[in-house]
Amino acid sequence: MSSQVSVKLVKSKIGCTPKQKATLEALGLKRIRQEKVLPDSPAVRGMIFKVSHLVEVK
């Protein structure tokens, strides 16, 4: 059974580096308070770690 992780964008991406903006786009987060359910994989965990100051994980 595959586990999933819920990621919510809680801070604006204004002022972020281009790599952080691209990471948010790859996670599927475009607007503040937007929430996505993603598979819990090492790649997704790494992307979440790079933008951990902007997102909330449930």
N, C-alpha and C. Protein backbone atom coordinates (compact mmCIF):
# COMPACT_ATOMS: atom_id res chain seq x y z
N MET A 1 0.84 -1.17 0.00
CA MET A 1 0.00 0.00 0.00
C MET A 1 0.89 1.23 0.00
N SER A 2 0.64 2.14 -0.93
CA SER A 2 1.48 3.33 -1.02
C SER A 2 0.93 4.43 -0.12
N SER A 3 1.84 5.07 0.57
CA SER A 3 1.42 6.16 1.44
C SER A 3 1.45 7.47 0.67
N GLN A 4 0.72 8.43 1.16
CA GLN A 4 0.64 9.72 0.50
C GLN A 4 0.90 10.83 1.50
N VAL A 5 1.30 11.98 0.98
CA VAL A 5 1.58 13.14 1.82
C VAL A 5 0.81 14.33 1.25
N SER A 6 0.25 15.13 2.14
CA SER A 6 -0.50 16.31 1.74
C SER A 6 0.36 17.55 1.96
N VAL A 7 0.50 18.37 0.92
CA VAL A 7 1.35 19.55 0.97
C VAL A 7 0.49 20.78 0.68
N LYS A 8 0.65 21.82 1.50
CA LYS A 8 -0.14 23.04 1.35
C LYS A 8 0.80 24.23 1.28
N LEU A 9 0.61 25.10 0.29
CA LEU A 9 1.42 26.31 0.16
C LEU A 9 0.86 27.36 1.13
N VAL A 10 1.68 27.82 2.08
CA VAL A 10 1.21 28.74 3.09
C VAL A 10 1.87 30.12 2.99
N LYS A 11 2.96 30.24 2.25
CA LYS A 11 3.62 31.53 2.06
C LYS A 11 3.77 31.81 0.58
N SER A 12 3.89 33.09 0.24
CA SER A 12 4.00 33.49 -1.15
C SER A 12 5.35 33.12 -1.74
N LYS A 13 5.35 32.85 -3.03
CA LYS A 13 6.61 32.53 -3.70
C LYS A 13 7.29 33.78 -4.26
N ILE A 14 6.75 34.95 -3.97
CA ILE A 14 7.38 36.21 -4.36
C ILE A 14 8.68 36.34 -3.57
N GLY A 15 9.76 36.62 -4.24
CA GLY A 15 11.04 36.77 -3.57
C GLY A 15 11.85 35.49 -3.49
N CYS A 16 11.30 34.38 -3.96
CA CYS A 16 12.02 33.11 -3.94
C CYS A 16 12.96 33.04 -5.13
N THR A 17 13.90 32.13 -5.03
CA THR A 17 14.81 31.92 -6.14
C THR A 17 14.07 31.19 -7.27
N PRO A 18 14.57 31.29 -8.49
CA PRO A 18 13.92 30.59 -9.60
C PRO A 18 13.83 29.07 -9.39
N LYS A 19 14.83 28.49 -8.73
CA LYS A 19 14.79 27.04 -8.47
C LYS A 19 13.67 26.69 -7.51
N GLN A 20 13.45 27.54 -6.50
CA GLN A 20 12.37 27.28 -5.55
C GLN A 20 11.01 27.43 -6.23
N LYS A 21 10.88 28.42 -7.11
CA LYS A 21 9.63 28.58 -7.85
C LYS A 21 9.37 27.37 -8.73
N ALA A 22 10.42 26.86 -9.38
CA ALA A 22 10.27 25.68 -10.22
C ALA A 22 9.89 24.45 -9.40
N THR A 23 10.44 24.35 -8.20
CA THR A 23 10.10 23.24 -7.32
C THR A 23 8.64 23.29 -6.91
N LEU A 24 8.14 24.48 -6.60
CA LEU A 24 6.72 24.62 -6.25
C LEU A 24 5.83 24.24 -7.43
N GLU A 25 6.23 24.63 -8.64
CA GLU A 25 5.47 24.26 -9.83
C GLU A 25 5.48 22.75 -10.03
N ALA A 26 6.63 22.12 -9.77
CA ALA A 26 6.73 20.67 -9.92
C ALA A 26 5.85 19.95 -8.90
N LEU A 27 5.69 20.55 -7.74
CA LEU A 27 4.80 19.97 -6.72
C LEU A 27 3.33 20.24 -7.06
N GLY A 28 3.08 21.13 -8.00
CA GLY A 28 1.70 21.44 -8.39
C GLY A 28 1.07 22.54 -7.58
N LEU A 29 1.89 23.33 -6.89
CA LEU A 29 1.37 24.41 -6.04
C LEU A 29 1.55 25.74 -6.75
N LYS A 30 0.44 26.39 -7.05
CA LYS A 30 0.49 27.66 -7.77
C LYS A 30 -0.05 28.83 -6.96
N ARG A 31 -0.98 28.56 -6.06
CA ARG A 31 -1.61 29.63 -5.29
C ARG A 31 -1.48 29.35 -3.79
N ILE A 32 -1.50 30.42 -3.00
CA ILE A 32 -1.46 30.27 -1.55
C ILE A 32 -2.73 29.56 -1.10
N ARG A 33 -2.60 28.70 -0.11
CA ARG A 33 -3.65 27.85 0.46
C ARG A 33 -4.09 26.73 -0.50
N GLN A 34 -3.34 26.52 -1.58
CA GLN A 34 -3.63 25.39 -2.45
C GLN A 34 -2.99 24.14 -1.85
N GLU A 35 -3.72 23.04 -1.89
CA GLU A 35 -3.26 21.81 -1.26
C GLU A 35 -3.23 20.68 -2.28
N LYS A 36 -2.19 19.86 -2.24
CA LYS A 36 -2.05 18.72 -3.14
C LYS A 36 -1.72 17.48 -2.34
N VAL A 37 -2.22 16.36 -2.79
CA VAL A 37 -1.89 15.07 -2.21
C VAL A 37 -0.95 14.38 -3.19
N LEU A 38 0.25 14.06 -2.71
CA LEU A 38 1.30 13.49 -3.55
C LEU A 38 1.75 12.16 -2.98
N PRO A 39 2.34 11.30 -3.82
CA PRO A 39 2.88 10.04 -3.29
C PRO A 39 4.10 10.32 -2.41
N ASP A 40 4.24 9.54 -1.38
CA ASP A 40 5.35 9.72 -0.44
C ASP A 40 6.57 8.97 -0.96
N SER A 41 7.38 9.68 -1.76
CA SER A 41 8.59 9.09 -2.34
C SER A 41 9.79 9.94 -1.95
N PRO A 42 10.99 9.40 -2.08
CA PRO A 42 12.18 10.21 -1.76
C PRO A 42 12.30 11.48 -2.61
N ALA A 43 11.88 11.42 -3.86
CA ALA A 43 11.96 12.59 -4.72
C ALA A 43 11.03 13.71 -4.23
N VAL A 44 9.81 13.33 -3.87
CA VAL A 44 8.85 14.31 -3.36
C VAL A 44 9.32 14.86 -2.01
N ARG A 45 9.85 14.00 -1.15
CA ARG A 45 10.37 14.46 0.14
C ARG A 45 11.51 15.46 -0.05
N GLY A 46 12.36 15.24 -1.03
CA GLY A 46 13.46 16.17 -1.32
C GLY A 46 12.96 17.51 -1.79
N MET A 47 11.92 17.50 -2.64
CA MET A 47 11.35 18.77 -3.11
C MET A 47 10.71 19.53 -1.95
N ILE A 48 10.02 18.81 -1.08
CA ILE A 48 9.39 19.45 0.08
C ILE A 48 10.46 20.06 0.98
N PHE A 49 11.58 19.38 1.17
CA PHE A 49 12.67 19.89 2.01
C PHE A 49 13.22 21.19 1.45
N LYS A 50 13.33 21.31 0.12
CA LYS A 50 13.89 22.51 -0.50
C LYS A 50 13.01 23.74 -0.30
N VAL A 51 11.71 23.54 -0.16
CA VAL A 51 10.79 24.67 0.01
C VAL A 51 10.03 24.55 1.33
N SER A 52 10.67 23.97 2.33
CA SER A 52 10.00 23.71 3.61
C SER A 52 9.57 24.99 4.33
N HIS A 53 10.22 26.11 4.02
CA HIS A 53 9.85 27.37 4.66
C HIS A 53 8.61 27.99 4.04
N LEU A 54 8.11 27.42 2.94
CA LEU A 54 6.94 27.95 2.24
C LEU A 54 5.71 27.04 2.34
N VAL A 55 5.91 25.79 2.71
CA VAL A 55 4.81 24.82 2.68
C VAL A 55 4.56 24.23 4.07
N GLU A 56 3.40 23.61 4.18
CA GLU A 56 3.00 22.90 5.40
C GLU A 56 2.67 21.48 4.98
N VAL A 57 3.20 20.50 5.70
CA VAL A 57 3.01 19.09 5.38
C VAL A 57 2.09 18.46 6.41
N LYS A 58 1.11 17.70 5.91
CA LYS A 58 0.17 17.01 6.81
C LYS A 58 0.35 15.52 6.65
